[in-house]
Structure formats: C-alpha cells, structure tokens
Protein backbone atom coordinates (compact mmCIF):
# COMPACT_ATOMS: atom_id res chain seq x y z
CA UNK A 1 -12.01 9.59 3.78
CA UNK A 2 -11.32 5.86 4.04
CA UNK A 3 -8.23 4.72 2.13
CA UNK A 4 -7.33 1.04 1.87
CA UNK A 5 -3.62 0.33 1.38
CA UNK A 6 -2.20 -2.85 -0.15
CA UNK A 7 1.15 -3.95 -1.48
CA UNK A 8 2.97 -6.99 -2.81
CA UNK A 9 -0.07 -8.91 -4.03
CA UNK A 10 2.15 -10.92 -6.43
CA UNK A 11 -0.59 -12.21 -8.73
CA UNK A 12 -1.24 -14.71 -10.07
CA UNK A 13 1.26 -16.69 -8.02
CA UNK A 14 -0.07 -15.44 -4.65
CA UNK A 15 -3.22 -13.41 -5.38
CA UNK A 16 -5.88 -15.80 -6.64
CA UNK A 17 -8.74 -13.46 -5.72
CA UNK A 18 -9.35 -10.67 -3.26
CA UNK A 19 -9.13 -12.02 0.32
CA UNK A 20 -12.54 -11.77 2.08
CA UNK A 21 -11.25 -9.45 4.83
CA UNK A 22 -9.87 -7.09 2.21
CA UNK A 23 -13.05 -7.23 0.10
CA UNK A 24 -15.15 -6.37 3.16
CA UNK A 25 -12.95 -3.34 3.88
CA UNK A 26 -13.00 -2.22 0.26
CA UNK A 27 -16.80 -2.12 0.19
CA UNK A 28 -16.88 1.42 1.61
CA UNK A 29 -13.42 2.66 0.58
CA UNK A 30 -13.03 6.09 -0.97
CA UNK A 31 -9.62 5.30 -2.50
CA UNK A 32 -7.13 2.45 -2.76
CA UNK A 33 -3.34 2.74 -2.70
CA UNK A 34 -1.25 -0.14 -4.08
CA UNK A 35 2.45 0.15 -3.21
CA UNK A 36 3.67 -2.09 -6.03
CA UNK A 37 4.45 -5.66 -6.98
CA UNK A 38 0.99 -6.09 -8.43
CA UNK A 39 2.51 -8.28 -11.17
CA UNK A 40 -0.63 -8.44 -13.36
CA UNK A 41 -3.05 -5.59 -14.11
CA UNK A 42 -6.13 -7.77 -13.52
CA UNK A 43 -5.58 -7.19 -9.77
CA UNK A 44 -5.89 -3.45 -10.36
CA UNK A 45 -9.04 -4.02 -12.45
CA UNK A 46 -10.50 -6.04 -9.58
CA UNK A 47 -9.62 -3.38 -7.00
CA UNK A 48 -10.96 -0.59 -9.22
CA UNK A 49 -14.43 -2.13 -8.96
CA UNK A 50 -14.47 -0.82 -5.38
CA UNK A 51 -12.82 2.62 -5.53
CA UNK A 52 -10.26 4.65 -7.50
CA UNK A 53 -6.84 2.96 -7.44
CA UNK A 54 -3.50 4.78 -7.20
CA UNK A 55 -0.54 2.49 -7.86
CA UNK A 56 3.25 2.58 -8.08
CA UNK A 57 5.53 0.18 -9.90
CA UNK A 58 7.26 -2.54 -7.93
CA UNK A 59 10.39 -4.42 -8.90
CA UNK A 60 8.23 -7.31 -10.22
CA UNK A 61 5.89 -5.12 -12.28
CA UNK A 62 6.23 -4.92 -16.03
CA UNK A 63 5.08 -2.68 -18.84
CA UNK A 64 1.48 -3.95 -18.57
CA UNK A 65 1.18 -2.58 -15.02
CA UNK A 66 2.81 0.68 -16.12
CA UNK A 67 0.32 0.87 -19.00
CA UNK A 68 -2.50 0.53 -16.45
CA UNK A 69 -1.25 3.77 -14.90
CA UNK A 70 1.44 2.82 -12.38
CA UNK A 71 4.35 5.23 -11.95
CA UNK A 72 7.63 4.99 -10.03
CA UNK A 73 6.33 7.27 -7.26
CA UNK A 74 3.17 9.16 -6.41
CA UNK A 75 2.47 12.33 -4.49
CA UNK A 76 -1.24 12.70 -3.71
CA UNK A 77 -3.48 15.08 -1.84
CA UNK A 78 -6.02 12.90 -0.05
CA UNK A 79 -8.56 15.13 1.68
CA UNK A 80 -5.81 17.64 2.45
CA UNK A 81 -3.21 15.10 3.63
CA UNK A 82 -0.10 14.89 1.43
CA UNK A 83 0.65 11.21 0.84
CA UNK A 84 3.65 9.84 -1.06
CA UNK A 85 3.80 6.27 -2.34
CA UNK A 86 6.90 4.32 -3.40
CA UNK A 87 7.59 0.60 -3.61
CA UNK A 88 11.12 0.17 -2.27
CA UNK A 89 12.15 2.42 0.62
CA UNK A 90 15.68 1.01 0.86
CA UNK A 91 17.33 -0.46 3.98
CA UNK A 92 15.58 -0.26 7.35
CA UNK A 93 18.45 1.78 8.82
CA UNK A 94 17.75 5.45 8.18
CA UNK A 95 14.46 4.72 6.41
CA UNK A 96 12.33 7.51 7.91
CA UNK A 97 14.98 10.18 7.30
CA UNK A 98 15.56 8.91 3.74
CA UNK A 99 11.83 8.93 2.93
CA UNK A 100 11.49 12.41 4.38
CA UNK A 101 14.37 13.53 2.14
CA UNK A 102 12.76 11.91 -0.92
CA UNK A 103 9.32 13.41 -0.14
CA UNK A 104 9.91 16.52 2.00
CA UNK A 105 6.32 17.79 1.66
CA UNK A 106 4.65 14.47 2.53
CA UNK A 107 2.77 14.01 5.77
CA UNK A 108 2.69 10.24 5.22
CA UNK A 109 4.84 7.96 3.07
CA UNK A 110 3.42 4.57 2.06
CA UNK A 111 5.79 1.88 0.82
CA UNK A 112 5.96 -1.87 0.24
CA UNK A 113 8.61 -4.35 -0.94
CA UNK A 114 9.56 -5.96 2.39
CA UNK A 115 6.16 -7.59 3.07
CA UNK A 116 6.71 -6.48 6.69
CA UNK A 117 3.91 -4.32 8.06
CA UNK A 118 5.09 -1.10 9.70
CA UNK A 119 3.52 2.05 11.09
CA UNK A 120 6.20 4.40 12.40
CA UNK A 121 5.97 8.04 13.40
CA UNK A 122 9.00 10.31 13.63
CA UNK A 123 9.22 14.04 14.17
CA UNK A 124 9.68 14.45 10.39
CA UNK A 125 7.23 12.02 8.77
CA UNK A 126 4.96 9.05 9.34
CA UNK A 127 5.81 5.96 7.31
CA UNK A 128 3.44 3.07 6.64
CA UNK A 129 3.93 -0.35 5.04
CA UNK A 130 0.73 -2.42 4.79
CA UNK A 131 2.61 -5.71 4.41
CA UNK A 132 1.06 -8.13 1.93
CA UNK A 133 -2.42 -9.63 2.10
CA UNK A 134 -1.35 -12.68 0.07
CA UNK A 135 2.38 -13.30 0.69
CA UNK A 136 3.13 -12.96 4.39
CA UNK A 137 6.67 -14.32 4.18
CA UNK A 138 7.94 -14.50 7.77
CA UNK A 139 4.97 -12.64 9.28
CA UNK A 140 2.29 -14.43 11.33
CA UNK A 141 -0.48 -13.28 8.97
CA UNK A 142 -0.98 -11.48 5.70
CA UNK A 143 -1.95 -7.85 6.23
CA UNK A 144 -3.24 -4.69 4.56
CA UNK A 145 -3.80 -1.18 5.88
CA UNK A 146 -6.66 1.22 6.43
CA UNK A 147 -6.21 4.99 6.71
CA UNK A 148 -8.87 7.34 8.06
CA UNK A 149 -8.21 10.87 6.78
CA UNK A 150 -10.23 13.94 7.68
CA UNK A 151 -9.59 17.53 6.62
CA UNK A 152 -5.84 17.15 6.20
CA UNK A 153 -5.31 15.00 9.29
CA UNK A 154 -4.50 11.33 9.52
CA UNK A 155 -7.09 10.35 12.13
CA UNK A 156 -5.94 6.72 12.23
CA UNK A 157 -3.81 4.19 10.42
CA UNK A 158 -4.16 0.55 11.26
CA UNK A 159 -3.14 -2.83 9.97
CA UNK A 160 -5.72 -5.55 9.31
CA UNK A 161 -4.78 -9.23 9.43
CA UNK A 162 -5.96 -11.64 6.77
CA UNK A 163 -7.08 -15.01 8.12
CA UNK A 164 -6.79 -17.01 4.91
CA UNK A 165 -3.90 -19.31 4.02
CA UNK A 166 -0.80 -17.51 2.88
CA UNK A 167 2.74 -18.49 2.05
CA UNK A 168 5.25 -18.98 4.90
C-alpha cells in the first residue's frame, strides 16, 4: 500500500495548485494522509481526485475543513499498520514519548505543524512529519512523505523534496 503524506499546505496563500512532484507521486497512491493546516477544503477535493483522503484539523483550519471530514485526531488501520495522525505534537523535547502516550497502540504517528520534516524511530514508536510541500519556512526545500506499507509492516518511509519555488 502506497500512502502519500502531506501537511501544512496553507491554501490559498501557499498552495496554488498541487506541486508537480506531489502530483506524480499521487498518481498511484492508495491513500493520502493530510496532517492539518489545509486552510481551504478545495485542497482536499483536489487530493481526493487521486485517492481517499484522511485529514486532521490544524490550528489554521476552520469549520469548512471540519465539515469536509477532518477531525482532531485519527487512528487508522492501513493494511494492518496502526497509524495515528495529529496536527500539533507539542514541543520537540519529549515528543516521541508524548506521542506514544497519546496513541499507545500506534505503530506510526504522523504529525505536522512545524513544517520541519522528521522521520524518527524509538523503541516505542516511529514518528513522521512530512514537512510542507508549499511552505518550507527555514527548510532548504518543501517536502512531503511517502509510506510503503505491506501486511502490517512499514516497509519504508521517505521524504520527497519539491523543486518548485516556496516561501523562505
């Protein structure tokens, strides 16, 4: 199962349309996770043209994104892998332990908010932040993530850089 992970698209201010690198990856996606700060539901409509979208609310999301189907948190079974999704994971210090406490049954926790890509494994849980494909902030490039899941195992998780112009 191929799962594409995005966060912090911040439309329409930052997301004008789907970046080409992301669109290419979405072409054969089985599912899409959006870790919040969508800002307008038209982004979710655009993503849903590729694969089913699972989304959580970010601090910049309003009732229209909630009405689309976003919730505060998600707990999903993706091909046997238990995946939790939340927007804001709190401070970097103690993050993995805190996320494990919040989602004790999760094999993987996906989060956003910081715009800083991260893939970290601890003895308790793996945590993954795809960064932002459209608002890189202090990162060299915008990014999104791709998960390869097979029969309950996370085969791979990697970050993909976006080449297009993004905000500094």
